[in-house]
Protein backbone atom coordinates (compact mmCIF):
# COMPACT_ATOMS: atom_id res chain seq x y z
CA MET A 1 -16.18 0.89 14.83
CA LYS A 2 -13.31 0.59 12.29
CA GLU A 3 -13.40 3.13 9.37
CA LYS A 4 -14.34 1.47 5.93
CA ILE A 5 -11.78 2.06 3.31
CA MET A 6 -13.23 2.29 -0.11
CA ASN A 7 -11.42 0.19 -2.94
CA GLN A 8 -10.88 2.24 -5.75
CA CYS A 9 -10.93 -0.76 -8.09
CA SER A 10 -11.99 0.56 -11.45
CA ILE A 11 -13.41 -3.00 -12.21
CA SER A 12 -14.85 -5.32 -9.57
CA CYS A 13 -12.53 -6.84 -7.26
CA GLU A 14 -13.61 -10.24 -8.24
CA LEU A 15 -12.72 -9.70 -11.92
CA HIS A 16 -9.56 -8.17 -10.75
CA ASP A 17 -8.66 -11.48 -9.05
CA TYR A 18 -8.87 -13.25 -12.53
CA LEU A 19 -6.33 -10.68 -14.16
CA GLU A 20 -3.92 -11.38 -11.05
CA ILE A 21 -4.25 -15.08 -11.85
CA ALA A 22 -3.66 -14.77 -15.36
CA CYS A 23 -0.43 -12.66 -14.38
CA MET A 24 0.53 -15.32 -11.86
CA TYR A 25 0.58 -18.15 -14.40
CA GLY A 26 1.72 -15.82 -17.32
CA TYR A 27 -1.46 -16.99 -19.34
CA GLN A 28 -1.42 -15.90 -22.84
CA VAL A 29 -4.75 -13.91 -23.24
CA LYS A 30 -6.87 -12.42 -25.90
CA LEU A 31 -8.48 -9.10 -24.70
CA THR A 32 -11.58 -7.72 -26.65
CA LEU A 33 -11.54 -3.84 -25.79
CA LYS A 34 -14.59 -1.30 -25.93
CA ASP A 35 -13.57 -0.02 -29.30
CA HIS A 36 -13.89 -3.78 -30.44
CA GLN A 37 -9.88 -4.12 -30.91
CA THR A 38 -8.63 -7.30 -29.82
CA VAL A 39 -4.98 -7.49 -28.30
CA GLU A 40 -3.13 -10.88 -27.55
CA GLY A 41 -0.07 -11.41 -25.16
CA LYS A 42 1.32 -13.05 -22.05
CA ALA A 43 -0.14 -11.37 -19.07
CA LEU A 44 2.51 -10.07 -16.97
CA ASP A 45 1.37 -7.55 -14.13
CA THR A 46 -1.04 -5.08 -13.01
CA LEU A 47 -0.49 -1.44 -12.08
CA THR A 48 -1.91 1.72 -10.72
CA THR A 49 -0.81 5.05 -11.64
CA ALA A 50 -0.64 7.81 -9.06
CA GLU A 51 -3.89 9.10 -10.77
CA LYS A 52 -5.59 5.72 -9.66
CA ARG A 53 -5.88 4.53 -13.43
CA GLU A 54 -5.43 0.58 -13.57
CA TYR A 55 -3.57 -1.03 -16.35
CA LEU A 56 -2.95 -4.90 -17.43
CA VAL A 57 0.50 -5.17 -18.63
CA ILE A 58 1.06 -7.77 -21.47
CA ASP A 59 3.78 -8.76 -23.58
CA ASN A 60 3.07 -9.18 -27.22
CA GLY A 61 6.59 -8.58 -28.41
CA GLN A 62 6.81 -5.29 -26.55
CA LYS A 63 5.29 -4.46 -23.25
CA GLN A 64 1.92 -2.77 -23.61
CA GLN A 65 -0.47 -1.48 -21.14
CA ILE A 66 -4.13 -1.94 -21.46
CA GLU A 67 -6.33 0.22 -19.24
CA LEU A 68 -8.36 -2.08 -17.39
CA ASN A 69 -11.88 -0.18 -17.90
CA GLN A 70 -11.18 -0.65 -21.67
CA ILE A 71 -11.45 -4.44 -21.37
CA VAL A 72 -14.84 -6.09 -22.39
CA LYS A 73 -13.75 -9.64 -22.47
CA MET A 74 -10.57 -11.65 -21.75
CA GLN A 75 -9.96 -15.24 -23.45
CA VAL A 76 -7.31 -17.36 -22.18
CA LEU A 77 -5.47 -19.04 -24.75
CA THR A 78 -3.06 -21.09 -22.67
CA PRO A 79 -4.30 -24.80 -22.64
CA ASN A 80 -5.40 -26.41 -19.33
CA ALA A 81 -5.66 -22.97 -17.72
CA LYS A 82 -7.49 -22.52 -14.35
CA PHE A 83 -10.38 -20.37 -16.58
CA THR A 84 -10.99 -19.71 -20.06
CA LYS A 85 -13.12 -16.66 -20.57
CA VAL A 86 -14.27 -13.49 -18.34
CA ILE A 87 -16.72 -10.99 -19.37
CA PHE A 88 -15.99 -7.70 -17.90
C-alpha cells in the first residue's frame, strides 16, 4: 500500500487551480481580503515559503505578495476570461 502524502495547501486544491489559471493567463484580478481591503493587479505566480506559507504574487506597479489564507474573493477583470469570480 502506498503511503498517502498530505498536501499542505492552506486552501483547497480546487481553489488553488483557479489561482494557477489566473497566473497562467496573466489575468487582471481584484482580490477581496479578510480585512475587507481590496487589491488589484495582474496575477503572476504563486509561491510557497520554507515555512509552508502560500502567496499569490501580483503586479500592480510593483510585485506584491498576498497570503492565500487572507483572500476571501477573487474577481477576474480581464474580458472573456475562463472564469469571473471565485469565493474562498
